[in-house]
Protein backbone atom coordinates (compact mmCIF):
# COMPACT_ATOMS: atom_id res chain seq x y z
CA UNK A 1 0.00 0.00 0.00
CA UNK A 2 1.38 3.37 -1.00
CA UNK A 3 0.52 6.42 1.08
CA UNK A 4 0.42 9.80 -0.61
CA UNK A 5 0.73 13.05 1.29
CA UNK A 6 -2.06 15.38 0.21
CA UNK A 7 -0.18 18.68 0.17
CA UNK A 8 -3.17 20.66 -1.06
CA UNK A 9 -5.33 19.45 1.82
CA UNK A 10 -2.51 20.18 4.31
CA UNK A 11 -2.15 23.67 2.89
CA UNK A 12 -5.92 24.24 3.05
CA UNK A 13 -5.93 23.16 6.71
CA UNK A 14 -2.97 25.43 7.50
CA UNK A 15 -4.76 28.45 5.97
CA UNK A 16 -8.19 27.72 7.46
CA UNK A 17 -9.47 30.79 9.36
CA UNK A 18 -6.37 32.86 8.62
CA UNK A 19 -5.94 36.46 7.48
CA UNK A 20 -2.90 37.53 5.48
CA UNK A 21 -1.57 41.04 5.01
CA UNK A 22 1.16 42.10 2.61
CA UNK A 23 3.39 44.96 3.76
CA UNK A 24 5.70 47.07 1.64
CA UNK A 25 8.36 48.71 3.81
CA UNK A 26 12.04 49.21 2.91
CA UNK A 27 13.25 48.31 6.42
CA UNK A 28 15.03 45.34 7.98
CA UNK A 29 12.75 42.66 9.43
CA UNK A 30 13.95 43.25 13.01
CA UNK A 31 13.26 47.00 12.58
CA UNK A 32 9.69 46.32 11.44
CA UNK A 33 9.11 43.97 14.38
CA UNK A 34 10.62 46.50 16.80
CA UNK A 35 8.15 49.11 15.53
CA UNK A 36 5.18 46.72 15.76
CA UNK A 37 6.21 45.73 19.30
CA UNK A 38 6.81 49.28 20.53
CA UNK A 39 4.05 51.15 18.72
CA UNK A 40 1.26 48.55 18.61
CA UNK A 41 2.03 46.43 21.69
CA UNK A 42 2.93 43.15 20.00
CA UNK A 43 5.74 40.87 21.14
CA UNK A 44 7.26 39.67 17.87
CA UNK A 45 10.33 37.45 18.33
CA UNK A 46 12.35 35.52 15.77
CA UNK A 47 11.36 31.84 15.81
CA UNK A 48 14.22 29.90 14.19
CA UNK A 49 12.30 26.61 14.62
CA UNK A 50 9.78 27.53 11.93
CA UNK A 51 12.12 29.28 9.47
CA UNK A 52 11.14 28.42 5.88
CA UNK A 53 13.82 26.67 3.84
CA UNK A 54 13.35 26.56 0.06
CA UNK A 55 15.66 24.97 -2.46
CA UNK A 56 15.60 26.50 -5.95
CA UNK A 57 18.11 26.25 -8.77
CA UNK A 58 20.50 24.19 -6.58
CA UNK A 59 20.61 26.94 -3.95
CA UNK A 60 19.21 27.21 -0.45
CA UNK A 61 17.02 30.12 0.60
CA UNK A 62 15.99 30.87 4.18
CA UNK A 63 13.00 33.01 5.11
CA UNK A 64 12.81 34.27 8.69
CA UNK A 65 9.56 34.17 10.62
CA UNK A 66 8.80 36.34 13.64
CA UNK A 67 6.03 35.21 15.99
CA UNK A 68 3.77 36.97 18.51
CA UNK A 69 1.02 35.26 20.52
CA UNK A 70 -2.01 37.09 21.87
CA UNK A 71 -2.64 36.61 25.59
CA UNK A 72 -5.85 34.77 26.52
CA UNK A 73 -6.40 33.68 22.92
CA UNK A 74 -5.35 31.02 20.43
CA UNK A 75 -4.46 33.75 17.94
CA UNK A 76 -0.83 33.91 16.85
CA UNK A 77 0.68 36.46 14.49
CA UNK A 78 3.52 35.58 12.13
CA UNK A 79 5.65 38.02 10.13
CA UNK A 80 7.43 36.39 7.18
CA UNK A 81 10.23 38.09 5.30
CA UNK A 82 9.18 37.68 1.65
CA UNK A 83 12.66 38.02 0.14
CA UNK A 84 16.01 36.29 0.62
CA UNK A 85 19.01 36.83 -1.62
CA UNK A 86 16.95 37.70 -4.71
CA UNK A 87 14.39 34.89 -4.27
CA UNK A 88 10.81 35.38 -3.06
CA UNK A 89 8.72 33.26 -0.71
CA UNK A 90 5.65 34.37 -2.67
CA UNK A 91 6.93 35.40 -6.14
CA UNK A 92 3.43 36.60 -7.08
CA UNK A 93 3.87 39.40 -4.48
CA UNK A 94 7.39 40.64 -5.27
CA UNK A 95 6.35 44.17 -4.29
CA UNK A 96 5.55 43.00 -0.74
CA UNK A 97 8.52 42.97 1.65
CA UNK A 98 6.68 41.23 4.49
CA UNK A 99 3.71 38.91 4.95
CA UNK A 100 1.68 39.07 8.17
CA UNK A 101 -0.26 35.86 8.82
CA UNK A 102 -2.90 35.77 11.56
CA UNK A 103 -3.69 32.19 12.54
CA UNK A 104 -5.23 30.06 15.30
CA UNK A 105 -8.38 32.05 15.98
CA UNK A 106 -10.91 33.99 13.95
CA UNK A 107 -9.92 37.58 13.16
CA UNK A 108 -12.98 39.65 12.28
CA UNK A 109 -12.98 42.46 9.71
CA UNK A 110 -12.97 45.13 12.41
CA UNK A 111 -9.77 43.83 14.02
CA UNK A 112 -8.10 43.21 10.64
CA UNK A 113 -8.96 46.74 9.50
CA UNK A 114 -7.64 48.18 12.78
CA UNK A 115 -4.32 46.34 12.28
CA UNK A 116 -4.07 47.49 8.63
CA UNK A 117 -4.73 51.12 9.61
CA UNK A 118 -2.35 51.03 12.59
CA UNK A 119 0.46 49.55 10.46
CA UNK A 120 -0.17 52.10 7.67
CA UNK A 121 0.36 54.89 10.22
CA UNK A 122 3.85 53.65 11.12
CA UNK A 123 6.68 55.72 9.69
CA UNK A 124 8.39 53.91 6.80
CA UNK A 125 5.42 51.72 5.83
CA UNK A 126 4.48 52.32 2.19
CA UNK A 127 1.62 49.87 1.69
CA UNK A 128 -0.54 47.43 3.65
CA UNK A 129 -3.04 45.25 1.80
CA UNK A 130 -5.02 42.15 2.64
CA UNK A 131 -4.19 39.20 0.39
CA UNK A 132 -6.94 36.70 -0.35
CA UNK A 133 -6.42 32.95 -0.63
CA UNK A 134 -7.36 33.14 -4.31
CA UNK A 135 -4.49 35.57 -5.02
CA UNK A 136 -1.83 33.36 -3.46
CA UNK A 137 -0.37 30.87 -5.94
CA UNK A 138 2.53 29.55 -3.83
CA UNK A 139 0.65 29.12 -0.56
CA UNK A 140 2.55 25.91 0.22
CA UNK A 141 5.77 27.93 0.60
CA UNK A 142 4.36 29.48 3.79
CA UNK A 143 3.44 26.26 5.58
CA UNK A 144 5.75 25.44 8.49
């Protein structure tokens, strides 16, 4: 008997009840997280255990992920760096420097809009946009 891993179903499960924002900001990832922590009260920390490792054209690419959990909730926020050494985690969003994934609990429109607006008001942020599941072609690249 041969078992096949259903990647599409795994990916669908991973993205169930998630919200994803794309952020354009010409800053270092630790600078962005510092601003989010200090200005918006998050606690983003680098989580090396869930770093994304992609192999393309016989080269290795590593995408950092910063993580912040919300107290008294299952909701966790993840900031992915979308670019490493000329390669993109989500090539369909080359103009986005960072991806903010909200996962683990439902995030309603009101909260999502508050986060978008708060991030837009941070100095150095050029664009914040919600990305829909339909727009993301390489969703599997984000699964850790």
